Amino acid sequence: MNYYPLVSETYWVIGIESVTLGDAHFKDLKGVVDTGTSVIVGPKNMIAELTKAIPSQPDCKNLS
C-alpha cells in the first residue's frame, strides 16, 4: 500500500504524476480515489485518447 497526500479533501483528490495506456501519455494530473466505481471520467480529449487504447467494445444492451 502506498500513501499519497491529498490535494483536496473534496472527493479524496490526489496528484497523479503520469498516466500511460498504449501510445496515450498524460502528465501532472489530479485523480479521485474511489474504489467503488469503474468509471473513467476526465476531459473529453484525454478520455477519448485513453479509451482508444482499451481493446474492447462496450455492450450495454443487456443491462437492466
Protein backbone atom coordinates (compact mmCIF):
# COMPACT_ATOMS: atom_id res chain seq x y z
CA MET A 1 0.00 0.00 0.00
CA ASN A 2 1.25 3.48 -0.81
CA TYR A 3 0.45 6.80 0.81
CA TYR A 4 -0.38 9.77 -1.42
CA PRO A 5 -1.04 13.19 0.10
CA LEU A 6 -4.41 14.75 -0.67
CA VAL A 7 -4.52 17.75 -2.99
CA SER A 8 -8.06 18.38 -1.75
CA GLU A 9 -10.28 16.56 0.74
CA THR A 10 -13.17 17.03 -1.68
CA TYR A 11 -13.69 13.55 -3.19
CA TRP A 12 -10.22 12.43 -1.95
CA VAL A 13 -8.30 14.20 -4.75
CA ILE A 14 -4.65 13.21 -5.18
CA GLY A 15 -1.92 14.34 -7.58
CA ILE A 16 -1.03 11.91 -10.38
CA GLU A 17 2.45 12.14 -11.87
CA SER A 18 1.52 10.41 -15.13
CA VAL A 19 -0.88 8.01 -16.85
CA THR A 20 0.17 5.88 -19.83
CA LEU A 21 -2.01 3.46 -21.79
CA GLY A 22 -0.75 2.33 -25.19
CA ASP A 23 0.51 5.43 -27.01
CA ALA A 24 -1.54 7.80 -24.81
CA HIS A 25 0.54 9.56 -22.15
CA PHE A 26 -0.56 12.36 -19.82
CA LYS A 27 1.40 14.11 -17.07
CA ASP A 28 0.67 16.21 -13.98
CA LEU A 29 -2.96 15.25 -13.38
CA LYS A 30 -5.35 15.10 -10.45
CA GLY A 31 -7.32 11.98 -9.65
CA VAL A 32 -10.06 10.88 -7.30
CA VAL A 33 -9.57 7.80 -5.14
CA ASP A 34 -12.83 5.85 -5.42
CA THR A 35 -12.65 2.09 -5.05
CA GLY A 36 -16.38 1.73 -5.58
CA THR A 37 -16.56 2.63 -9.27
CA SER A 38 -15.24 1.50 -12.64
CA VAL A 39 -15.98 4.80 -14.36
CA ILE A 40 -13.22 6.76 -16.11
CA VAL A 41 -14.01 10.49 -16.09
CA GLY A 42 -11.99 13.45 -17.32
CA PRO A 43 -11.55 15.93 -20.17
CA LYS A 44 -13.14 14.59 -23.38
CA ASN A 45 -9.94 14.66 -25.44
CA MET A 46 -7.93 12.83 -22.78
CA ILE A 47 -10.57 10.14 -22.17
CA ALA A 48 -11.09 9.62 -25.91
CA GLU A 49 -7.36 9.03 -26.39
CA LEU A 50 -7.16 6.66 -23.42
CA THR A 51 -10.22 4.61 -24.38
CA LYS A 52 -8.89 4.10 -27.92
CA ALA A 53 -6.11 2.04 -26.33
CA ILE A 54 -8.53 -0.26 -24.45
CA PRO A 55 -9.19 -3.33 -26.63
CA SER A 56 -12.91 -3.74 -26.02
CA GLN A 57 -16.30 -2.88 -27.41
CA PRO A 58 -18.86 -1.67 -24.88
CA ASP A 59 -22.08 -3.67 -24.96
CA CYS A 60 -24.81 -2.27 -22.74
CA LYS A 61 -27.82 -3.87 -24.46
CA ASN A 62 -28.29 -6.48 -21.71
CA LEU A 63 -28.23 -4.06 -18.79
CA SER A 64 -31.41 -3.75 -16.79
